[in-house]
C-alpha atoms as a PDB file:
ATOM      1  CA  MET A   1       0.000   0.000   0.000  1.00  0.00           C
ATOM      2  CA  SER A   2       1.925   3.042  -1.211  1.00  0.00           C
ATOM      3  CA  GLU A   3       0.943   6.483  -0.042  1.00  0.00           C
ATOM      4  CA  GLU A   4       1.143   9.437  -2.444  1.00  0.00           C
ATOM      5  CA  VAL A   5       3.587  12.091  -1.257  1.00  0.00           C
ATOM      6  CA  ASN A   6       2.441  15.694  -1.435  1.00  0.00           C
ATOM      7  CA  LEU A   7       5.514  17.746  -2.364  1.00  0.00           C
ATOM      8  CA  THR A   8       3.898  21.098  -1.647  1.00  0.00           C
ATOM      9  CA  HIS A   9       4.207  20.470   2.092  1.00  0.00           C
ATOM     10  CA  MET A  10       7.795  19.263   1.859  1.00  0.00           C
ATOM     11  CA  MET A  11       9.381  21.909  -0.365  1.00  0.00           C
ATOM     12  CA  PRO A  12       9.526  25.660   0.007  1.00  0.00           C
ATOM     13  CA  ALA A  13       7.326  27.753  -2.279  1.00  0.00           C
ATOM     14  CA  GLU A  14      10.444  29.150  -3.968  1.00  0.00           C
ATOM     15  CA  THR A  15      11.266  25.709  -5.345  1.00  0.00           C
ATOM     16  CA  ILE A  16       7.767  24.934  -6.548  1.00  0.00           C
ATOM     17  CA  ASN A  17       7.281  28.346  -8.146  1.00  0.00           C
ATOM     18  CA  SER A  18      10.697  28.514  -9.796  1.00  0.00           C
ATOM     19  CA  ASP A  19       9.221  29.132 -13.263  1.00  0.00           C
ATOM     20  CA  GLN A  20       7.323  32.140 -11.944  1.00  0.00           C
ATOM     21  CA  GLN A  21      10.499  33.398 -10.283  1.00  0.00           C
ATOM     22  CA  VAL A  22      12.396  33.126 -13.568  1.00  0.00           C
ATOM     23  CA  PHE A  23       9.648  35.085 -15.328  1.00  0.00           C
ATOM     24  CA  ASN A  24       9.691  37.745 -12.599  1.00  0.00           C
ATOM     25  CA  ARG A  25      13.497  38.086 -12.821  1.00  0.00           C
ATOM     26  CA  ILE A  26      13.239  38.582 -16.566  1.00  0.00           C
ATOM     27  CA  MET A  27      10.448  41.141 -16.290  1.00  0.00           C
ATOM     28  CA  ASP A  28      12.243  43.051 -13.499  1.00  0.00           C
ATOM     29  CA  THR A  29      15.182  43.698 -15.799  1.00  0.00           C
ATOM     30  CA  PRO A  30      14.836  47.310 -16.976  1.00  0.00           C
ATOM     31  CA  ASN A  31      16.824  46.937 -20.208  1.00  0.00           C
ATOM     32  CA  SER A  32      15.164  45.165 -23.178  1.00  0.00           C
ATOM     33  CA  LYS A  33      18.458  43.706 -24.390  1.00  0.00           C
ATOM     34  CA  ALA A  34      19.158  42.285 -20.941  1.00  0.00           C
ATOM     35  CA  GLN A  35      15.665  40.775 -20.974  1.00  0.00           C
ATOM     36  CA  LEU A  36      16.373  39.229 -24.366  1.00  0.00           C
ATOM     37  CA  GLU A  37      19.612  37.750 -23.058  1.00  0.00           C
ATOM     38  CA  LYS A  38      17.816  36.191 -20.077  1.00  0.00           C
ATOM     39  CA  VAL A  39      14.992  34.854 -22.248  1.00  0.00           C
ATOM     40  CA  SER A  40      17.518  33.364 -24.675  1.00  0.00           C
ATOM     41  CA  LYS A  41      19.315  31.557 -21.859  1.00  0.00           C
ATOM     42  CA  GLU A  42      16.024  30.338 -20.407  1.00  0.00           C
ATOM     43  CA  PHE A  43      14.978  29.006 -23.818  1.00  0.00           C
ATOM     44  CA  GLU A  44      18.231  27.055 -24.057  1.00  0.00           C
ATOM     45  CA  ALA A  45      17.720  25.770 -20.509  1.00  0.00           C
ATOM     46  CA  ILE A  46      14.218  24.559 -21.386  1.00  0.00           C
ATOM     47  CA  PHE A  47      15.546  22.853 -24.505  1.00  0.00           C
ATOM     48  CA  ILE A  48      18.284  21.068 -22.533  1.00  0.00           C
ATOM     49  CA  THR A  49      15.799  20.057 -19.830  1.00  0.00           C
ATOM     50  CA  LYS A  50      13.453  18.588 -22.424  1.00  0.00           C
ATOM     51  CA  MET A  51      16.353  16.730 -24.046  1.00  0.00           C
ATOM     52  CA  LEU A  52      17.468  15.270 -20.701  1.00  0.00           C
ATOM     53  CA  THR A  53      13.900  14.209 -19.897  1.00  0.00           C
ATOM     54  CA  LEU A  54      13.507  12.441 -23.240  1.00  0.00           C
ATOM     55  CA  MET A  55      16.918  10.784 -22.909  1.00  0.00           C
ATOM     56  CA  ASP A  56      15.981   9.542 -19.443  1.00  0.00           C
ATOM     57  CA  LYS A  57      12.930   7.782 -20.871  1.00  0.00           C
ATOM     58  CA  THR A  58      15.211   5.612 -23.022  1.00  0.00           C
ATOM     59  CA  VAL A  59      17.049   4.147 -20.005  1.00  0.00           C
ATOM     60  CA  ASP A  60      16.163   0.556 -19.090  1.00  0.00           C
ATOM     61  CA  ARG A  61      15.638   0.534 -15.329  1.00  0.00           C
ATOM     62  CA  GLU A  62      14.729  -3.101 -14.859  1.00  0.00           C
ATOM     63  CA  GLY A  63      16.781  -4.456 -11.974  1.00  0.00           C
ATOM     64  CA  GLY A  64      18.393  -1.056 -11.437  1.00  0.00           C
ATOM     65  CA  ILE A  65      20.109   0.013  -8.251  1.00  0.00           C
ATOM     66  CA  LEU A  66      17.542   2.735  -7.534  1.00  0.00           C
ATOM     67  CA  GLY A  67      14.690   0.279  -7.415  1.00  0.00           C
ATOM     68  CA  GLU A  68      11.129   0.914  -8.473  1.00  0.00           C
ATOM     69  CA  GLU A  69      10.153   4.241 -10.017  1.00  0.00           C
ATOM     70  CA  THR A  70       7.634   6.225  -8.012  1.00  0.00           C
ATOM     71  CA  SER A  71       5.855   9.531  -8.571  1.00  0.00           C
ATOM     72  CA  TYR A  72       8.143  11.081  -5.926  1.00  0.00           C
ATOM     73  CA  TYR A  73      11.223   9.854  -7.800  1.00  0.00           C
ATOM     74  CA  ASP A  74       9.854  11.186 -11.090  1.00  0.00           C
ATOM     75  CA  LYS A  75       9.127  14.585  -9.528  1.00  0.00           C
ATOM     76  CA  MET A  76      12.637  14.802  -8.085  1.00  0.00           C
ATOM     77  CA  LYS A  77      14.114  13.913 -11.479  1.00  0.00           C
ATOM     78  CA  SER A  78      12.118  16.716 -13.088  1.00  0.00           C
ATOM     79  CA  TYR A  79      13.486  19.246 -10.555  1.00  0.00           C
ATOM     80  CA  MET A  80      16.987  17.887 -11.077  1.00  0.00           C
ATOM     81  CA  PHE A  81      16.707  18.117 -14.884  1.00  0.00           C
ATOM     82  CA  ASP A  82      15.368  21.694 -14.621  1.00  0.00           C
ATOM     83  CA  GLU A  83      18.329  22.776 -12.529  1.00  0.00           C
ATOM     84  CA  LEU A  84      20.825  20.882 -14.660  1.00  0.00           C
ATOM     85  CA  GLY A  85      19.381  22.480 -17.795  1.00  0.00           C
ATOM     86  CA  ARG A  86      19.743  25.950 -16.298  1.00  0.00           C
ATOM     87  CA  GLU A  87      23.277  25.256 -15.099  1.00  0.00           C
ATOM     88  CA  LEU A  88      24.377  23.925 -18.488  1.00  0.00           C
ATOM     89  CA  ALA A  89      22.790  26.829 -20.376  1.00  0.00           C
ATOM     90  CA  ASN A  90      24.321  29.497 -18.124  1.00  0.00           C
ATOM     91  CA  ASN A  91      27.854  28.109 -17.957  1.00  0.00           C
ATOM     92  CA  PRO A  92      30.093  29.358 -20.801  1.00  0.00           C
ATOM     93  CA  ARG A  93      31.931  26.011 -20.869  1.00  0.00           C
ATOM     94  CA  THR A  94      28.840  23.821 -21.176  1.00  0.00           C
ATOM     95  CA  THR A  95      26.358  25.933 -23.104  1.00  0.00           C
ATOM     96  CA  PHE A  96      25.041  24.511 -26.378  1.00  0.00           C
ATOM     97  CA  GLY A  97      25.216  27.982 -27.935  1.00  0.00           C
ATOM     98  CA  PHE A  98      21.498  28.362 -28.669  1.00  0.00           C
ATOM     99  CA  ALA A  99      21.138  31.362 -26.361  1.00  0.00           C
ATOM    100  CA  LYS A 100      23.923  33.248 -28.111  1.00  0.00           C
ATOM    101  CA  GLN A 101      22.460  32.576 -31.556  1.00  0.00           C
ATOM    102  CA  ILE A 102      18.936  33.524 -30.482  1.00  0.00           C
ATOM    103  CA  TYR A 103      20.232  36.735 -28.933  1.00  0.00           C
ATOM    104  CA  GLU A 104      22.257  37.677 -32.006  1.00  0.00           C
ATOM    105  CA  GLN A 105      19.321  37.032 -34.343  1.00  0.00           C
ATOM    106  CA  MET A 106      16.730  38.875 -32.242  1.00  0.00           C
ATOM    107  CA  GLU A 107      18.888  41.772 -31.033  1.00  0.00           C
ATOM    108  CA  LYS A 108      18.030  43.933 -34.043  1.00  0.00           C
ATOM    109  CA  TYR A 109      14.326  43.824 -33.108  1.00  0.00           C
ATOM    110  CA  VAL A 110      14.874  45.071 -29.547  1.00  0.00           C
ATOM    111  CA  ASN A 111      15.380  48.712 -28.517  1.00  0.00           C
END
């Protein structure tokens, strides 16, 4: 008999509302070009997160060391992939380069 874990009581609101916080940080930036830079990096982060999520689905977990997959485990993986995506996109050594290209292409449309 497994009991469903409610993450909203276990995690701070900052963690659960991280997407809203990202949006607020972008909108609080007074300069349009700075906003474009942040949006470009966030787009790359979302792309990387989606890629990691899809790659994870291809892994055969039968008899794995982590045991049975649960909704709690899946939720933690999604948080981990979100953070990893943001870290990879914002680090100059690990970025895929999408943010830079998006910024360069869209810069001419921003004041």
